[in-house]
Amino acid sequence: MMAGTATTTETVLDRYIKIFDRAVHDAGAVEEFRSVYAPGASVQLDERAGR
């Protein structure tokens, strides 16, 4: 690695955003959403309780 560069780890949200952006032009990308979250999973994006 070069001095001054940082390594970042892609998060689930990063993957979701990339797939969402691709889905506009690539219908096959929609199938990739299944790889982001487990079936039936819920995601808490803030401190409010699920409704």
PDB file of N, CA and C in Angstrom:
ATOM      1  N   MET A   1       0.840  -1.170   0.000  1.00  0.00           N
ATOM      2  CA  MET A   1       0.000   0.000   0.000  1.00  0.00           C
ATOM      3  C   MET A   1       0.886   1.234   0.000  1.00  0.00           C
ATOM      4  N   MET A   2       0.446   2.256  -0.740  1.00  0.00           N
ATOM      5  CA  MET A   2       1.215   3.487  -0.821  1.00  0.00           C
ATOM      6  C   MET A   2       1.013   4.334   0.427  1.00  0.00           C
ATOM      7  N   ALA A   3       2.033   5.079   0.799  1.00  0.00           N
ATOM      8  CA  ALA A   3       1.922   5.974   1.947  1.00  0.00           C
ATOM      9  C   ALA A   3       0.838   7.007   1.683  1.00  0.00           C
ATOM     10  N   GLY A   4       0.035   7.282   2.714  1.00  0.00           N
ATOM     11  CA  GLY A   4      -1.000   8.294   2.580  1.00  0.00           C
ATOM     12  C   GLY A   4      -2.318   7.789   2.046  1.00  0.00           C
ATOM     13  N   THR A   5      -2.415   6.498   1.729  1.00  0.00           N
ATOM     14  CA  THR A   5      -3.689   5.952   1.256  1.00  0.00           C
ATOM     15  C   THR A   5      -4.356   5.204   2.393  1.00  0.00           C
ATOM     16  N   ALA A   6      -5.652   5.166   2.354  1.00  0.00           N
ATOM     17  CA  ALA A   6      -6.410   4.484   3.390  1.00  0.00           C
ATOM     18  C   ALA A   6      -7.172   3.327   2.768  1.00  0.00           C
ATOM     19  N   THR A   7      -7.296   2.276   3.518  1.00  0.00           N
ATOM     20  CA  THR A   7      -8.079   1.134   3.081  1.00  0.00           C
ATOM     21  C   THR A   7      -9.437   1.220   3.764  1.00  0.00           C
ATOM     22  N   THR A   8     -10.500   1.121   2.977  1.00  0.00           N
ATOM     23  CA  THR A   8     -11.834   1.148   3.552  1.00  0.00           C
ATOM     24  C   THR A   8     -12.504  -0.192   3.319  1.00  0.00           C
ATOM     25  N   THR A   9     -13.411  -0.506   4.198  1.00  0.00           N
ATOM     26  CA  THR A   9     -14.176  -1.742   4.084  1.00  0.00           C
ATOM     27  C   THR A   9     -15.568  -1.389   3.600  1.00  0.00           C
ATOM     28  N   GLU A  10     -16.017  -2.072   2.580  1.00  0.00           N
ATOM     29  CA  GLU A  10     -17.351  -1.823   2.045  1.00  0.00           C
ATOM     30  C   GLU A  10     -18.396  -2.349   3.021  1.00  0.00           C
ATOM     31  N   THR A  11     -19.370  -1.535   3.342  1.00  0.00           N
ATOM     32  CA  THR A  11     -20.440  -1.938   4.240  1.00  0.00           C
ATOM     33  C   THR A  11     -21.614  -2.475   3.439  1.00  0.00           C
ATOM     34  N   VAL A  12     -22.563  -3.075   4.131  1.00  0.00           N
ATOM     35  CA  VAL A  12     -23.778  -3.569   3.478  1.00  0.00           C
ATOM     36  C   VAL A  12     -24.513  -2.408   2.820  1.00  0.00           C
ATOM     37  N   LEU A  13     -24.552  -1.284   3.499  1.00  0.00           N
ATOM     38  CA  LEU A  13     -25.229  -0.119   2.927  1.00  0.00           C
ATOM     39  C   LEU A  13     -24.529   0.360   1.656  1.00  0.00           C
ATOM     40  N   ASP A  14     -23.197   0.312   1.634  1.00  0.00           N
ATOM     41  CA  ASP A  14     -22.451   0.669   0.419  1.00  0.00           C
ATOM     42  C   ASP A  14     -22.837  -0.254  -0.731  1.00  0.00           C
ATOM     43  N   ARG A  15     -22.902  -1.555  -0.444  1.00  0.00           N
ATOM     44  CA  ARG A  15     -23.281  -2.530  -1.483  1.00  0.00           C
ATOM     45  C   ARG A  15     -24.694  -2.267  -1.974  1.00  0.00           C
ATOM     46  N   TYR A  16     -25.611  -1.979  -1.051  1.00  0.00           N
ATOM     47  CA  TYR A  16     -26.998  -1.709  -1.410  1.00  0.00           C
ATOM     48  C   TYR A  16     -27.082  -0.508  -2.356  1.00  0.00           C
ATOM     49  N   ILE A  17     -26.367   0.561  -2.023  1.00  0.00           N
ATOM     50  CA  ILE A  17     -26.396   1.773  -2.846  1.00  0.00           C
ATOM     51  C   ILE A  17     -25.830   1.495  -4.237  1.00  0.00           C
ATOM     52  N   LYS A  18     -24.735   0.754  -4.315  1.00  0.00           N
ATOM     53  CA  LYS A  18     -24.150   0.424  -5.619  1.00  0.00           C
ATOM     54  C   LYS A  18     -25.113  -0.395  -6.470  1.00  0.00           C
ATOM     55  N   ILE A  19     -25.757  -1.388  -5.857  1.00  0.00           N
ATOM     56  CA  ILE A  19     -26.704  -2.221  -6.593  1.00  0.00           C
ATOM     57  C   ILE A  19     -27.905  -1.390  -7.020  1.00  0.00           C
ATOM     58  N   PHE A  20     -28.414  -0.546  -6.122  1.00  0.00           N
ATOM     59  CA  PHE A  20     -29.555   0.310  -6.439  1.00  0.00           C
ATOM     60  C   PHE A  20     -29.233   1.201  -7.637  1.00  0.00           C
ATOM     61  N   ASP A  21     -28.045   1.787  -7.653  1.00  0.00           N
ATOM     62  CA  ASP A  21     -27.641   2.637  -8.769  1.00  0.00           C
ATOM     63  C   ASP A  21     -27.557   1.856 -10.076  1.00  0.00           C
ATOM     64  N   ARG A  22     -27.051   0.643 -10.015  1.00  0.00           N
ATOM     65  CA  ARG A  22     -26.937  -0.190 -11.218  1.00  0.00           C
ATOM     66  C   ARG A  22     -28.288  -0.669 -11.714  1.00  0.00           C
ATOM     67  N   ALA A  23     -29.243  -0.869 -10.801  1.00  0.00           N
ATOM     68  CA  ALA A  23     -30.547  -1.431 -11.158  1.00  0.00           C
ATOM     69  C   ALA A  23     -31.303  -0.544 -12.148  1.00  0.00           C
ATOM     70  N   VAL A  24     -30.992   0.732 -12.192  1.00  0.00           N
ATOM     71  CA  VAL A  24     -31.635   1.643 -13.132  1.00  0.00           C
ATOM     72  C   VAL A  24     -31.334   1.224 -14.569  1.00  0.00           C
ATOM     73  N   HIS A  25     -30.126   0.727 -14.808  1.00  0.00           N
ATOM     74  CA  HIS A  25     -29.684   0.376 -16.151  1.00  0.00           C
ATOM     75  C   HIS A  25     -29.541  -1.122 -16.378  1.00  0.00           C
ATOM     76  N   ASP A  26     -29.505  -1.897 -15.318  1.00  0.00           N
ATOM     77  CA  ASP A  26     -29.243  -3.335 -15.419  1.00  0.00           C
ATOM     78  C   ASP A  26     -30.271  -4.100 -14.594  1.00  0.00           C
ATOM     79  N   ALA A  27     -31.292  -4.632 -15.275  1.00  0.00           N
ATOM     80  CA  ALA A  27     -32.361  -5.343 -14.570  1.00  0.00           C
ATOM     81  C   ALA A  27     -31.818  -6.537 -13.778  1.00  0.00           C
ATOM     82  N   GLY A  28     -30.727  -7.114 -14.209  1.00  0.00           N
ATOM     83  CA  GLY A  28     -30.128  -8.237 -13.498  1.00  0.00           C
ATOM     84  C   GLY A  28     -29.592  -7.862 -12.127  1.00  0.00           C
ATOM     85  N   ALA A  29     -29.334  -6.588 -11.928  1.00  0.00           N
ATOM     86  CA  ALA A  29     -28.810  -6.135 -10.638  1.00  0.00           C
ATOM     87  C   ALA A  29     -29.840  -6.330  -9.531  1.00  0.00           C
ATOM     88  N   VAL A  30     -31.112  -6.312  -9.891  1.00  0.00           N
ATOM     89  CA  VAL A  30     -32.171  -6.474  -8.888  1.00  0.00           C
ATOM     90  C   VAL A  30     -32.006  -7.809  -8.154  1.00  0.00           C
ATOM     91  N   GLU A  31     -31.596  -8.834  -8.863  1.00  0.00           N
ATOM     92  CA  GLU A  31     -31.382 -10.143  -8.241  1.00  0.00           C
ATOM     93  C   GLU A  31     -30.284 -10.093  -7.181  1.00  0.00           C
ATOM     94  N   GLU A  32     -29.344  -9.166  -7.319  1.00  0.00           N
ATOM     95  CA  GLU A  32     -28.249  -9.061  -6.354  1.00  0.00           C
ATOM     96  C   GLU A  32     -28.706  -8.540  -4.997  1.00  0.00           C
ATOM     97  N   PHE A  33     -29.882  -7.900  -4.946  1.00  0.00           N
ATOM     98  CA  PHE A  33     -30.379  -7.424  -3.657  1.00  0.00           C
ATOM     99  C   PHE A  33     -30.505  -8.572  -2.659  1.00  0.00           C
ATOM    100  N   ARG A  34     -30.761  -9.757  -3.148  1.00  0.00           N
ATOM    101  CA  ARG A  34     -30.868 -10.930  -2.261  1.00  0.00           C
ATOM    102  C   ARG A  34     -29.560 -11.214  -1.536  1.00  0.00           C
ATOM    103  N   SER A  35     -28.439 -10.806  -2.127  1.00  0.00           N
ATOM    104  CA  SER A  35     -27.146 -11.060  -1.498  1.00  0.00           C
ATOM    105  C   SER A  35     -26.820 -10.043  -0.409  1.00  0.00           C
ATOM    106  N   VAL A  36     -27.592  -8.968  -0.346  1.00  0.00           N
ATOM    107  CA  VAL A  36     -27.296  -7.905   0.617  1.00  0.00           C
ATOM    108  C   VAL A  36     -27.861  -8.228   1.988  1.00  0.00           C
ATOM    109  N   TYR A  37     -29.097  -8.679   2.038  1.00  0.00           N
ATOM    110  CA  TYR A  37     -29.753  -8.956   3.317  1.00  0.00           C
ATOM    111  C   TYR A  37     -30.276 -10.387   3.351  1.00  0.00           C
ATOM    112  N   ALA A  38     -30.290 -10.957   4.525  1.00  0.00           N
ATOM    113  CA  ALA A  38     -30.872 -12.282   4.709  1.00  0.00           C
ATOM    114  C   ALA A  38     -32.396 -12.162   4.605  1.00  0.00           C
ATOM    115  N   PRO A  39     -33.063 -13.197   4.101  1.00  0.00           N
ATOM    116  CA  PRO A  39     -34.525 -13.153   4.011  1.00  0.00           C
ATOM    117  C   PRO A  39     -35.137 -12.902   5.386  1.00  0.00           C
ATOM    118  N   GLY A  40     -36.072 -11.975   5.451  1.00  0.00           N
ATOM    119  CA  GLY A  40     -36.750 -11.680   6.706  1.00  0.00           C
ATOM    120  C   GLY A  40     -35.973 -10.796   7.661  1.00  0.00           C
ATOM    121  N   ALA A  41     -34.790 -10.374   7.271  1.00  0.00           N
ATOM    122  CA  ALA A  41     -33.974  -9.532   8.153  1.00  0.00           C
ATOM    123  C   ALA A  41     -34.541  -8.122   8.206  1.00  0.00           C
ATOM    124  N   SER A  42     -34.330  -7.467   9.322  1.00  0.00           N
ATOM    125  CA  SER A  42     -34.691  -6.053   9.420  1.00  0.00           C
ATOM    126  C   SER A  42     -33.430  -5.269   9.717  1.00  0.00           C
ATOM    127  N   VAL A  43     -33.405  -4.027   9.278  1.00  0.00           N
ATOM    128  CA  VAL A  43     -32.227  -3.191   9.442  1.00  0.00           C
ATOM    129  C   VAL A  43     -32.641  -1.919  10.167  1.00  0.00           C
ATOM    130  N   GLN A  44     -31.928  -1.581  11.214  1.00  0.00           N
ATOM    131  CA  GLN A  44     -32.203  -0.360  11.976  1.00  0.00           C
ATOM    132  C   GLN A  44     -31.177   0.679  11.555  1.00  0.00           C
ATOM    133  N   LEU A  45     -31.634   1.770  10.897  1.00  0.00           N
ATOM    134  CA  LEU A  45     -30.735   2.797  10.419  1.00  0.00           C
ATOM    135  C   LEU A  45     -30.621   3.972  11.375  1.00  0.00           C
ATOM    136  N   ASP A  46     -31.491   4.012  12.373  1.00  0.00           N
ATOM    137  CA  ASP A  46     -31.393   5.051  13.396  1.00  0.00           C
ATOM    138  C   ASP A  46     -31.806   4.465  14.735  1.00  0.00           C
ATOM    139  N   GLU A  47     -31.925   5.292  15.742  1.00  0.00           N
ATOM    140  CA  GLU A  47     -32.173   4.786  17.087  1.00  0.00           C
ATOM    141  C   GLU A  47     -33.647   4.543  17.409  1.00  0.00           C
ATOM    142  N   ARG A  48     -34.543   4.875  16.507  1.00  0.00           N
ATOM    143  CA  ARG A  48     -35.968   4.640  16.742  1.00  0.00           C
ATOM    144  C   ARG A  48     -36.271   3.142  16.649  1.00  0.00           C
ATOM    145  N   ALA A  49     -37.186   2.702  17.462  1.00  0.00           N
ATOM    146  CA  ALA A  49     -37.581   1.290  17.437  1.00  0.00           C
ATOM    147  C   ALA A  49     -38.376   1.001  16.169  1.00  0.00           C
ATOM    148  N   GLY A  50     -38.280  -0.235  15.709  1.00  0.00           N
ATOM    149  CA  GLY A  50     -39.041  -0.652  14.532  1.00  0.00           C
ATOM    150  C   GLY A  50     -40.533  -0.529  14.753  1.00  0.00           C
ATOM    151  N   ARG A  51     -41.248  -0.286  13.675  1.00  0.00           N
ATOM    152  CA  ARG A  51     -42.703  -0.096  13.787  1.00  0.00           C
ATOM    153  C   ARG A  51     -43.445  -1.200  13.131  1.00  0.00           C
TER     154      ARG A  51
END
